Amino acid sequence: MRVEDVAESWEVTDSKERFAARVISVRTDTVRMPGDETADRDYVVHPGSVAVLAIDEDDKVLMIRQYRHPVRRLLWEVPAGIRDVPGEPLVDCAARELAEEAGYRARTWHTLLDIYTSPGMCDERIRIFLARDLSPIPEEENDYVHRHEEIGMPVEWIPLQEAVEKAMAGMIHNSPAIAGILAAYAASADGFKGLRPADAPEA
């Protein structure tokens, strides 16, 4: 049997926006279920995101630490950001986030994963890229200015094997970071040859 997610859309008989903020909104859709019954489904509407698993020639992963207020924790993460420029190729968005949050550029890009962060309550989709052949961007060449949430975010290089161990030990909690680390570890077995190109379409 071929295991693959498929697109399907059940009839929405009513839809109400409950809340709208700068980035997200909350909707209630009344959905026609099997058996011709209806049920209300509340969910967060999100523009989508990208994340970058950057790995150097020594198989070390670039990680940053960021305060996340909803969970009241400083989390170890990978560079990531919202798809906030209409029509921008996702890999360009990822390159921008890598420059903004970590001050690096990459010559080699591949699509690593496509994930939904929490599909039972949110439509956010994240494309995680693998970035290699990295080099620091000289400060005078980096056109990106840190936003307030990016100031003071330390950059650390962690061996990929160690990052896997920390994820499995419950020491890393950020979902795109964990997914990216484990996927990169699996993909490294064949030298990353089986990965999709950076501009692969989203299914």
N, C-alpha and C. Protein backbone atom coordinates (compact mmCIF):
# COMPACT_ATOMS: atom_id res chain seq x y z
N MET A 1 0.84 -1.19 0.00
CA MET A 1 0.00 0.00 0.00
C MET A 1 0.88 1.24 0.00
N ARG A 2 0.53 2.21 -0.84
CA ARG A 2 1.28 3.46 -0.88
C ARG A 2 0.80 4.37 0.23
N VAL A 3 1.70 4.74 1.13
CA VAL A 3 1.35 5.63 2.24
C VAL A 3 1.68 7.06 1.84
N GLU A 4 0.64 7.86 1.68
CA GLU A 4 0.83 9.25 1.26
C GLU A 4 -0.38 10.06 1.67
N ASP A 5 -0.13 11.22 2.27
CA ASP A 5 -1.24 12.13 2.57
C ASP A 5 -1.87 12.61 1.27
N VAL A 6 -3.19 12.75 1.27
CA VAL A 6 -3.89 13.23 0.07
C VAL A 6 -4.74 14.44 0.42
N ALA A 7 -4.90 15.33 -0.55
CA ALA A 7 -5.72 16.51 -0.35
C ALA A 7 -7.20 16.10 -0.36
N GLU A 8 -7.95 16.63 0.57
CA GLU A 8 -9.39 16.38 0.62
C GLU A 8 -10.04 17.51 1.39
N SER A 9 -11.17 17.98 0.92
CA SER A 9 -11.83 19.10 1.57
C SER A 9 -13.31 18.79 1.74
N TRP A 10 -13.72 18.61 2.99
CA TRP A 10 -15.14 18.37 3.26
C TRP A 10 -15.90 19.69 3.21
N GLU A 11 -17.17 19.61 2.88
CA GLU A 11 -17.98 20.81 2.68
C GLU A 11 -18.05 21.65 3.95
N VAL A 12 -17.82 22.95 3.79
CA VAL A 12 -17.96 23.90 4.89
C VAL A 12 -19.28 24.64 4.69
N THR A 13 -20.20 24.45 5.62
CA THR A 13 -21.53 25.06 5.48
C THR A 13 -21.60 26.44 6.10
N ASP A 14 -20.64 26.77 6.97
CA ASP A 14 -20.61 28.11 7.58
C ASP A 14 -19.19 28.34 8.09
N SER A 15 -18.77 29.60 8.12
CA SER A 15 -17.44 29.93 8.60
C SER A 15 -17.47 31.30 9.26
N LYS A 16 -16.90 31.40 10.46
CA LYS A 16 -16.90 32.65 11.20
C LYS A 16 -15.49 32.94 11.71
N GLU A 17 -15.04 34.18 11.52
CA GLU A 17 -13.77 34.60 12.11
C GLU A 17 -14.03 35.06 13.54
N ARG A 18 -13.36 34.44 14.48
CA ARG A 18 -13.57 34.75 15.89
C ARG A 18 -12.60 35.79 16.42
N PHE A 19 -11.40 35.84 15.81
CA PHE A 19 -10.34 36.71 16.32
C PHE A 19 -9.33 36.95 15.21
N ALA A 20 -8.80 38.16 15.13
CA ALA A 20 -7.77 38.46 14.14
C ALA A 20 -6.68 39.29 14.79
N ALA A 21 -5.42 38.89 14.58
CA ALA A 21 -4.28 39.61 15.10
C ALA A 21 -3.31 39.89 13.96
N ARG A 22 -2.11 40.35 14.29
CA ARG A 22 -1.14 40.75 13.27
C ARG A 22 -0.75 39.60 12.36
N VAL A 23 -0.54 38.41 12.93
CA VAL A 23 -0.07 37.26 12.15
C VAL A 23 -1.15 36.20 11.98
N ILE A 24 -1.86 35.90 13.03
CA ILE A 24 -2.81 34.79 13.02
C ILE A 24 -4.24 35.30 13.18
N SER A 25 -5.16 34.40 12.83
CA SER A 25 -6.58 34.60 13.15
C SER A 25 -7.15 33.27 13.60
N VAL A 26 -8.35 33.31 14.16
CA VAL A 26 -9.02 32.10 14.63
C VAL A 26 -10.38 32.02 13.96
N ARG A 27 -10.69 30.86 13.39
CA ARG A 27 -11.95 30.66 12.69
C ARG A 27 -12.70 29.47 13.28
N THR A 28 -14.01 29.50 13.11
CA THR A 28 -14.85 28.34 13.37
C THR A 28 -15.52 27.96 12.06
N ASP A 29 -15.24 26.79 11.55
CA ASP A 29 -15.90 26.26 10.36
C ASP A 29 -16.91 25.20 10.77
N THR A 30 -18.10 25.26 10.20
CA THR A 30 -19.07 24.19 10.37
C THR A 30 -18.90 23.24 9.19
N VAL A 31 -18.50 22.01 9.47
CA VAL A 31 -18.09 21.06 8.45
C VAL A 31 -19.10 19.92 8.36
N ARG A 32 -19.47 19.56 7.11
CA ARG A 32 -20.37 18.43 6.92
C ARG A 32 -19.56 17.14 7.02
N MET A 33 -19.93 16.31 7.99
CA MET A 33 -19.19 15.09 8.29
C MET A 33 -19.83 13.89 7.59
N PRO A 34 -19.16 12.75 7.58
CA PRO A 34 -19.80 11.53 7.06
C PRO A 34 -21.08 11.24 7.82
N GLY A 35 -22.09 10.75 7.12
CA GLY A 35 -23.40 10.53 7.74
C GLY A 35 -24.28 11.75 7.69
N ASP A 36 -23.80 12.80 6.98
CA ASP A 36 -24.56 14.03 6.76
C ASP A 36 -24.78 14.83 8.04
N GLU A 37 -23.93 14.61 9.05
CA GLU A 37 -23.98 15.44 10.25
C GLU A 37 -22.99 16.59 10.09
N THR A 38 -23.16 17.63 10.89
CA THR A 38 -22.21 18.74 10.86
C THR A 38 -21.53 18.88 12.22
N ALA A 39 -20.34 19.43 12.20
CA ALA A 39 -19.59 19.65 13.44
C ALA A 39 -18.78 20.93 13.29
N ASP A 40 -18.64 21.66 14.39
CA ASP A 40 -17.84 22.88 14.38
C ASP A 40 -16.38 22.53 14.62
N ARG A 41 -15.50 23.15 13.84
CA ARG A 41 -14.07 22.95 13.96
C ARG A 41 -13.40 24.31 14.14
N ASP A 42 -12.81 24.54 15.32
CA ASP A 42 -12.09 25.78 15.60
C ASP A 42 -10.62 25.58 15.25
N TYR A 43 -10.03 26.58 14.57
CA TYR A 43 -8.61 26.44 14.23
C TYR A 43 -7.97 27.80 14.00
N VAL A 44 -6.65 27.79 14.14
CA VAL A 44 -5.84 28.98 13.92
C VAL A 44 -5.44 29.04 12.45
N VAL A 45 -5.64 30.19 11.82
CA VAL A 45 -5.22 30.42 10.44
C VAL A 45 -3.85 31.09 10.48
N HIS A 46 -2.90 30.49 9.79
CA HIS A 46 -1.50 30.94 9.85
C HIS A 46 -0.95 31.06 8.43
N PRO A 47 -0.11 32.05 8.14
CA PRO A 47 0.40 32.21 6.77
C PRO A 47 1.43 31.17 6.35
N GLY A 48 1.91 30.38 7.28
CA GLY A 48 2.94 29.39 6.96
C GLY A 48 4.33 29.91 7.30
N SER A 49 5.28 29.00 7.37
CA SER A 49 6.63 29.33 7.80
C SER A 49 7.66 28.54 7.01
N VAL A 50 8.91 28.94 7.20
CA VAL A 50 10.04 28.16 6.72
C VAL A 50 11.00 27.98 7.88
N ALA A 51 11.84 26.95 7.80
CA ALA A 51 12.89 26.74 8.79
C ALA A 51 14.11 26.22 8.07
N VAL A 52 15.29 26.41 8.69
CA VAL A 52 16.55 26.07 8.05
C VAL A 52 17.38 25.19 8.97
N LEU A 53 17.67 23.96 8.52
CA LEU A 53 18.63 23.10 9.21
C LEU A 53 19.96 23.31 8.48
N ALA A 54 20.81 24.15 9.06
CA ALA A 54 22.10 24.48 8.46
C ALA A 54 23.17 23.59 9.07
N ILE A 55 23.95 22.96 8.23
CA ILE A 55 24.97 22.02 8.71
C ILE A 55 26.29 22.33 8.02
N ASP A 56 27.39 22.36 8.80
CA ASP A 56 28.68 22.74 8.23
C ASP A 56 29.46 21.52 7.78
N GLU A 57 30.69 21.76 7.34
CA GLU A 57 31.51 20.68 6.78
C GLU A 57 31.95 19.67 7.84
N ASP A 58 31.81 20.03 9.12
CA ASP A 58 32.14 19.11 10.21
C ASP A 58 30.91 18.42 10.78
N ASP A 59 29.81 18.46 10.05
CA ASP A 59 28.54 17.86 10.48
C ASP A 59 28.04 18.46 11.80
N LYS A 60 28.21 19.76 11.93
CA LYS A 60 27.66 20.47 13.08
C LYS A 60 26.45 21.28 12.63
N VAL A 61 25.44 21.31 13.47
CA VAL A 61 24.17 21.98 13.18
C VAL A 61 24.16 23.36 13.82
N LEU A 62 23.73 24.35 13.06
CA LEU A 62 23.59 25.71 13.58
C LEU A 62 22.28 25.81 14.34
N MET A 63 22.38 26.21 15.60
CA MET A 63 21.18 26.37 16.42
C MET A 63 21.21 27.72 17.10
N ILE A 64 20.02 28.26 17.34
CA ILE A 64 19.86 29.52 18.05
C ILE A 64 18.97 29.29 19.25
N ARG A 65 19.04 30.20 20.20
CA ARG A 65 18.18 30.10 21.38
C ARG A 65 17.25 31.30 21.42
N GLN A 66 15.97 31.03 21.62
CA GLN A 66 14.99 32.11 21.59
C GLN A 66 13.94 31.91 22.68
N TYR A 67 13.55 33.01 23.31
CA TYR A 67 12.50 32.96 24.32
C TYR A 67 11.14 32.82 23.64
N ARG A 68 10.35 31.85 24.09
CA ARG A 68 9.00 31.65 23.57
C ARG A 68 8.02 31.83 24.72
N HIS A 69 7.32 32.94 24.68
CA HIS A 69 6.48 33.30 25.82
C HIS A 69 5.35 32.31 26.11
N PRO A 70 4.63 31.77 25.10
CA PRO A 70 3.52 30.87 25.43
C PRO A 70 3.94 29.68 26.29
N VAL A 71 5.17 29.19 26.11
CA VAL A 71 5.62 28.02 26.89
C VAL A 71 6.56 28.41 28.01
N ARG A 72 6.86 29.73 28.12
CA ARG A 72 7.73 30.24 29.19
C ARG A 72 9.07 29.53 29.23
N ARG A 73 9.71 29.42 28.06
CA ARG A 73 11.00 28.73 27.98
C ARG A 73 11.92 29.43 26.98
N LEU A 74 13.22 29.32 27.24
CA LEU A 74 14.23 29.60 26.23
C LEU A 74 14.45 28.30 25.46
N LEU A 75 14.10 28.31 24.18
CA LEU A 75 14.16 27.08 23.40
C LEU A 75 15.35 27.11 22.44
N TRP A 76 15.97 25.94 22.26
CA TRP A 76 16.95 25.78 21.20
C TRP A 76 16.20 25.48 19.91
N GLU A 77 16.47 26.29 18.90
CA GLU A 77 15.72 26.20 17.65
C GLU A 77 16.69 26.27 16.47
N VAL A 78 16.12 26.16 15.27
CA VAL A 78 16.86 26.46 14.05
C VAL A 78 16.30 27.75 13.48
N PRO A 79 17.05 28.48 12.66
CA PRO A 79 16.51 29.71 12.08
C PRO A 79 15.19 29.44 11.36
N ALA A 80 14.23 30.30 11.56
CA ALA A 80 12.90 30.10 10.99
C ALA A 80 12.16 31.42 10.93
N GLY A 81 11.12 31.45 10.12
CA GLY A 81 10.33 32.67 10.05
C GLY A 81 9.07 32.48 9.23
N ILE A 82 8.24 33.50 9.27
CA ILE A 82 6.93 33.48 8.62
C ILE A 82 7.08 33.77 7.13
N ARG A 83 6.22 33.19 6.35
CA ARG A 83 6.13 33.50 4.92
C ARG A 83 5.36 34.82 4.77
N ASP A 84 6.09 35.90 4.90
CA ASP A 84 5.41 37.20 4.99
C ASP A 84 5.66 38.10 3.79
N VAL A 85 6.27 37.56 2.73
CA VAL A 85 6.45 38.35 1.50
C VAL A 85 5.69 37.64 0.39
N PRO A 86 4.57 38.21 -0.07
CA PRO A 86 3.76 37.54 -1.10
C PRO A 86 4.58 37.22 -2.35
N GLY A 87 4.44 35.98 -2.82
CA GLY A 87 5.11 35.57 -4.04
C GLY A 87 6.58 35.23 -3.90
N GLU A 88 7.15 35.39 -2.72
CA GLU A 88 8.57 35.10 -2.53
C GLU A 88 8.81 33.60 -2.56
N PRO A 89 9.77 33.13 -3.37
CA PRO A 89 10.10 31.69 -3.33
C PRO A 89 10.48 31.28 -1.90
N LEU A 90 10.05 30.10 -1.51
CA LEU A 90 10.28 29.68 -0.13
C LEU A 90 11.76 29.59 0.21
N VAL A 91 12.58 29.18 -0.75
CA VAL A 91 14.01 29.09 -0.46
C VAL A 91 14.61 30.48 -0.24
N ASP A 92 14.08 31.48 -0.91
CA ASP A 92 14.55 32.85 -0.68
C ASP A 92 14.15 33.33 0.71
N CYS A 93 12.96 32.97 1.11
CA CYS A 93 12.50 33.30 2.46
C CYS A 93 13.41 32.63 3.49
N ALA A 94 13.77 31.37 3.24
CA ALA A 94 14.65 30.65 4.16
C ALA A 94 16.04 31.29 4.21
N ALA A 95 16.57 31.68 3.06
CA ALA A 95 17.88 32.33 3.02
C ALA A 95 17.86 33.64 3.79
N ARG A 96 16.75 34.36 3.68
CA ARG A 96 16.60 35.61 4.42
C ARG A 96 16.60 35.37 5.92
N GLU A 97 15.89 34.33 6.36
CA GLU A 97 15.85 34.03 7.79
C GLU A 97 17.22 33.59 8.31
N LEU A 98 17.95 32.80 7.50
CA LEU A 98 19.29 32.38 7.91
C LEU A 98 20.21 33.59 8.08
N ALA A 99 20.08 34.55 7.18
CA ALA A 99 20.88 35.77 7.27
C ALA A 99 20.45 36.63 8.46
N GLU A 100 19.13 36.79 8.62
CA GLU A 100 18.61 37.65 9.68
C GLU A 100 18.95 37.12 11.07
N GLU A 101 18.72 35.85 11.28
CA GLU A 101 18.80 35.30 12.62
C GLU A 101 20.19 34.77 12.99
N ALA A 102 20.98 34.40 11.99
CA ALA A 102 22.26 33.79 12.31
C ALA A 102 23.45 34.46 11.62
N GLY A 103 23.20 35.29 10.60
CA GLY A 103 24.29 35.95 9.92
C GLY A 103 25.09 35.06 9.00
N TYR A 104 24.43 34.04 8.42
CA TYR A 104 25.11 33.12 7.50
C TYR A 104 24.38 33.07 6.17
N ARG A 105 25.13 32.68 5.13
CA ARG A 105 24.57 32.37 3.82
C ARG A 105 24.99 30.95 3.46
N ALA A 106 24.26 30.36 2.52
CA ALA A 106 24.56 28.99 2.09
C ALA A 106 24.57 28.92 0.57
N ARG A 107 25.48 28.12 0.02
CA ARG A 107 25.52 27.94 -1.43
C ARG A 107 24.67 26.77 -1.89
N THR A 108 24.43 25.79 -1.01
CA THR A 108 23.71 24.57 -1.40
C THR A 108 22.44 24.43 -0.56
N TRP A 109 21.30 24.31 -1.25
CA TRP A 109 20.01 24.21 -0.59
C TRP A 109 19.25 22.99 -1.10
N HIS A 110 18.57 22.29 -0.19
CA HIS A 110 17.66 21.21 -0.54
C HIS A 110 16.42 21.30 0.33
N THR A 111 15.32 20.77 -0.17
CA THR A 111 14.13 20.60 0.65
C THR A 111 14.33 19.38 1.52
N LEU A 112 14.16 19.57 2.83
CA LEU A 112 14.34 18.47 3.77
C LEU A 112 13.00 17.85 4.17
N LEU A 113 12.05 18.66 4.58
CA LEU A 113 10.75 18.17 5.04
C LEU A 113 9.67 19.21 4.80
N ASP A 114 8.43 18.75 4.71
CA ASP A 114 7.24 19.60 4.81
C ASP A 114 6.40 19.06 5.96
N ILE A 115 6.10 19.91 6.93
CA ILE A 115 5.34 19.44 8.09
C ILE A 115 4.20 20.41 8.41
N TYR A 116 3.14 19.87 9.02
CA TYR A 116 2.13 20.67 9.69
C TYR A 116 2.46 20.65 11.17
N THR A 117 2.49 21.82 11.79
CA THR A 117 2.93 21.88 13.18
C THR A 117 1.92 21.25 14.14
N SER A 118 0.65 21.53 13.94
CA SER A 118 -0.39 20.99 14.83
C SER A 118 -1.70 20.94 14.07
N PRO A 119 -1.87 19.96 13.16
CA PRO A 119 -2.99 19.98 12.21
C PRO A 119 -4.37 19.81 12.84
N GLY A 120 -4.44 19.45 14.12
CA GLY A 120 -5.73 19.38 14.77
C GLY A 120 -6.27 20.73 15.19
N MET A 121 -5.40 21.75 15.22
CA MET A 121 -5.85 23.06 15.70
C MET A 121 -5.31 24.23 14.89
N CYS A 122 -4.44 23.97 13.89
CA CYS A 122 -3.81 25.06 13.16
C CYS A 122 -3.47 24.60 11.75
N ASP A 123 -3.58 25.51 10.77
CA ASP A 123 -3.25 25.15 9.39
C ASP A 123 -1.82 25.52 9.01
N GLU A 124 -1.00 25.90 10.00
CA GLU A 124 0.39 26.29 9.69
C GLU A 124 1.15 25.14 9.04
N ARG A 125 1.83 25.48 7.95
CA ARG A 125 2.68 24.52 7.25
C ARG A 125 4.10 25.07 7.24
N ILE A 126 5.07 24.22 7.54
CA ILE A 126 6.46 24.63 7.55
C ILE A 126 7.25 23.80 6.55
N ARG A 127 7.97 24.48 5.66
CA ARG A 127 8.95 23.79 4.84
C ARG A 127 10.31 23.94 5.52
N ILE A 128 10.95 22.82 5.77
CA ILE A 128 12.27 22.81 6.39
C ILE A 128 13.31 22.53 5.31
N PHE A 129 14.26 23.43 5.20
CA PHE A 129 15.33 23.31 4.21
C PHE A 129 16.62 22.81 4.86
N LEU A 130 17.41 22.11 4.07
CA LEU A 130 18.77 21.78 4.47
C LEU A 130 19.69 22.77 3.75
N ALA A 131 20.51 23.47 4.51
CA ALA A 131 21.45 24.44 3.96
C ALA A 131 22.87 23.98 4.25
N ARG A 132 23.70 23.95 3.20
CA ARG A 132 25.10 23.54 3.37
C ARG A 132 26.03 24.50 2.63
N ASP A 133 27.31 24.23 2.74
CA ASP A 133 28.32 25.12 2.15
C ASP A 133 28.11 26.54 2.68
N LEU A 134 28.24 26.66 3.98
CA LEU A 134 27.90 27.89 4.69
C LEU A 134 29.10 28.83 4.80
N SER A 135 28.80 30.11 4.89
CA SER A 135 29.83 31.11 5.16
C SER A 135 29.19 32.26 5.93
N PRO A 136 29.92 32.84 6.87
CA PRO A 136 29.36 33.99 7.60
C PRO A 136 29.26 35.20 6.70
N ILE A 137 28.24 36.00 6.93
CA ILE A 137 28.06 37.23 6.17
C ILE A 137 28.76 38.36 6.93
N PRO A 138 29.73 39.04 6.31
CA PRO A 138 30.34 40.19 6.99
C PRO A 138 29.27 41.20 7.40
N GLU A 139 29.44 41.76 8.58
CA GLU A 139 28.41 42.65 9.11
C GLU A 139 28.07 43.78 8.15
N GLU A 140 29.09 44.30 7.45
CA GLU A 140 28.85 45.42 6.56
C GLU A 140 28.09 45.01 5.30
N GLU A 141 28.01 43.69 5.04
CA GLU A 141 27.29 43.19 3.86
C GLU A 141 25.90 42.68 4.18
N ASN A 142 25.59 42.54 5.45
CA ASN A 142 24.29 41.98 5.84
C ASN A 142 23.27 43.10 5.91
N ASP A 143 22.33 43.07 4.97
CA ASP A 143 21.33 44.13 4.87
C ASP A 143 20.20 43.99 5.88
N TYR A 144 20.17 42.85 6.58
CA TYR A 144 19.06 42.59 7.47
C TYR A 144 19.34 43.14 8.86
N VAL A 145 18.37 43.83 9.41
CA VAL A 145 18.48 44.39 10.75
C VAL A 145 17.69 43.52 11.70
N HIS A 146 18.31 43.13 12.82
CA HIS A 146 17.61 42.29 13.79
C HIS A 146 16.36 42.99 14.31
N ARG A 147 15.26 42.24 14.32
CA ARG A 147 14.06 42.72 14.99
C ARG A 147 14.25 42.50 16.49
N HIS A 148 13.36 43.08 17.30
CA HIS A 148 13.56 43.04 18.75
C HIS A 148 13.63 41.61 19.28
N GLU A 149 12.87 40.67 18.68
CA GLU A 149 12.89 39.31 19.20
C GLU A 149 14.15 38.56 18.78
N GLU A 150 14.94 39.13 17.86
CA GLU A 150 16.15 38.46 17.39
C GLU A 150 17.41 38.97 18.08
N ILE A 151 17.30 40.06 18.82
CA ILE A 151 18.47 40.63 19.47
C ILE A 151 18.90 39.72 20.61
N GLY A 152 20.19 39.43 20.66
CA GLY A 152 20.72 38.62 21.76
C GLY A 152 20.48 37.14 21.62
N MET A 153 20.09 36.65 20.41
CA MET A 153 19.92 35.22 20.22
C MET A 153 21.28 34.59 19.95
N PRO A 154 21.79 33.78 20.87
CA PRO A 154 23.11 33.18 20.63
C PRO A 154 23.05 32.11 19.54
N VAL A 155 24.13 32.01 18.78
CA VAL A 155 24.29 30.98 17.77
C VAL A 155 25.27 29.94 18.30
N GLU A 156 24.89 28.68 18.25
CA GLU A 156 25.75 27.59 18.70
C GLU A 156 25.83 26.54 17.61
N TRP A 157 26.99 25.89 17.50
CA TRP A 157 27.18 24.79 16.56
C TRP A 157 27.25 23.50 17.34
N ILE A 158 26.33 22.59 17.07
CA ILE A 158 26.21 21.34 17.82
C ILE A 158 26.41 20.17 16.86
N PRO A 159 27.30 19.21 17.18
CA PRO A 159 27.46 18.04 16.32
C PRO A 159 26.10 17.37 16.06
N LEU A 160 25.87 16.96 14.82
CA LEU A 160 24.58 16.38 14.45
C LEU A 160 24.21 15.21 15.35
N GLN A 161 25.16 14.32 15.62
CA GLN A 161 24.87 13.17 16.48
C GLN A 161 24.45 13.63 17.87
N GLU A 162 25.11 14.63 18.39
CA GLU A 162 24.75 15.16 19.71
C GLU A 162 23.37 15.79 19.69
N ALA A 163 23.06 16.50 18.59
CA ALA A 163 21.74 17.11 18.48
C ALA A 163 20.64 16.05 18.47
N VAL A 164 20.89 14.94 17.79
CA VAL A 164 19.94 13.83 17.80
C VAL A 164 19.75 13.32 19.22
N GLU A 165 20.84 13.13 19.94
CA GLU A 165 20.76 12.62 21.31
C GLU A 165 20.00 13.58 22.21
N LYS A 166 20.24 14.88 22.04
CA LYS A 166 19.53 15.86 22.87
C LYS A 166 18.04 15.87 22.55
N ALA A 167 17.69 15.73 21.27
CA ALA A 167 16.27 15.67 20.90
C ALA A 167 15.61 14.45 21.51
N MET A 168 16.27 13.30 21.42
CA MET A 168 15.70 12.07 21.95
C MET A 168 15.63 12.07 23.48
N ALA A 169 16.49 12.86 24.12
CA ALA A 169 16.50 12.93 25.58
C ALA A 169 15.53 13.98 26.11
N GLY A 170 14.79 14.64 25.23
CA GLY A 170 13.83 15.64 25.67
C GLY A 170 14.46 16.97 26.05
N MET A 171 15.66 17.24 25.55
CA MET A 171 16.36 18.48 25.86
C MET A 171 16.10 19.57 24.82
N ILE A 172 15.59 19.18 23.65
CA ILE A 172 15.17 20.11 22.60
C ILE A 172 13.69 19.88 22.36
N HIS A 173 12.89 20.95 22.36
CA HIS A 173 11.44 20.81 22.28
C HIS A 173 10.82 21.41 21.02
N ASN A 174 11.54 22.28 20.34
CA ASN A 174 10.99 22.97 19.17
C ASN A 174 10.76 21.97 18.04
N SER A 175 9.52 21.90 17.52
CA SER A 175 9.17 20.83 16.59
C SER A 175 9.92 20.89 15.26
N PRO A 176 10.07 22.06 14.60
CA PRO A 176 10.86 22.03 13.36
C PRO A 176 12.33 21.71 13.59
N ALA A 177 12.85 22.10 14.75
CA ALA A 177 14.24 21.75 15.05
C ALA A 177 14.39 20.24 15.19
N ILE A 178 13.50 19.62 15.95
CA ILE A 178 13.57 18.17 16.14
C ILE A 178 13.38 17.45 14.82
N ALA A 179 12.36 17.84 14.06
CA ALA A 179 12.11 17.18 12.77
C ALA A 179 13.29 17.35 11.84
N GLY A 180 13.85 18.56 11.78
CA GLY A 180 14.97 18.82 10.90
C GLY A 180 16.21 18.04 11.29
N ILE A 181 16.49 17.99 12.58
CA ILE A 181 17.66 17.25 13.07
C ILE A 181 17.55 15.77 12.73
N LEU A 182 16.41 15.17 13.03
CA LEU A 182 16.25 13.74 12.77
C LEU A 182 16.25 13.44 11.28
N ALA A 183 15.62 14.31 10.48
CA ALA A 183 15.60 14.10 9.04
C ALA A 183 16.99 14.25 8.45
N ALA A 184 17.74 15.24 8.91
CA ALA A 184 19.11 15.42 8.41
C ALA A 184 19.98 14.23 8.77
N TYR A 185 19.80 13.72 9.97
CA TYR A 185 20.57 12.55 10.40
C TYR A 185 20.26 11.34 9.50
N ALA A 186 18.98 11.15 9.20
CA ALA A 186 18.59 10.04 8.31
C ALA A 186 19.12 10.27 6.90
N ALA A 187 19.02 11.50 6.41
CA ALA A 187 19.43 11.80 5.04
C ALA A 187 20.95 11.75 4.87
N SER A 188 21.69 11.91 5.96
CA SER A 188 23.15 11.91 5.86
C SER A 188 23.71 10.54 5.54
N ALA A 189 22.90 9.50 5.71
CA ALA A 189 23.38 8.13 5.47
C ALA A 189 23.84 7.94 4.03
N ASP A 190 23.19 8.62 3.08
CA ASP A 190 23.62 8.50 1.68
C ASP A 190 24.20 9.81 1.15
N GLY A 191 24.70 10.62 2.08
CA GLY A 191 25.30 11.88 1.67
C GLY A 191 24.31 12.89 1.16
N PHE A 192 23.05 12.81 1.63
CA PHE A 192 21.98 13.74 1.26
C PHE A 192 21.58 13.63 -0.21
N LYS A 193 21.87 12.51 -0.85
CA LYS A 193 21.58 12.37 -2.28
C LYS A 193 20.09 12.22 -2.58
N GLY A 194 19.30 11.75 -1.62
CA GLY A 194 17.89 11.49 -1.90
C GLY A 194 16.96 12.65 -1.66
N LEU A 195 17.49 13.82 -1.34
CA LEU A 195 16.64 14.96 -1.00
C LEU A 195 16.05 15.63 -2.24
N ARG A 196 14.90 16.25 -2.04
CA ARG A 196 14.26 17.00 -3.13
C ARG A 196 14.99 18.32 -3.34
N PRO A 197 14.89 18.88 -4.56
CA PRO A 197 15.52 20.18 -4.80
C PRO A 197 14.86 21.27 -3.96
N ALA A 198 15.56 22.38 -3.84
CA ALA A 198 15.06 23.48 -3.00
C ALA A 198 13.75 24.05 -3.51
N ASP A 199 13.52 23.96 -4.81
CA ASP A 199 12.29 24.53 -5.37
C ASP A 199 11.22 23.48 -5.62
N ALA A 200 11.31 22.35 -4.94
CA ALA A 200 10.31 21.29 -5.10
C ALA A 200 8.92 21.83 -4.75
N PRO A 201 7.90 21.48 -5.52
CA PRO A 201 6.54 21.97 -5.21
C PRO A 201 6.02 21.36 -3.91
N GLU A 202 5.16 22.08 -3.25
CA GLU A 202 4.51 21.55 -2.05
C GLU A 202 3.32 20.72 -2.48
N ALA A 203 3.24 19.50 -1.99
CA ALA A 203 2.13 18.61 -2.34
C ALA A 203 0.91 18.97 -1.51
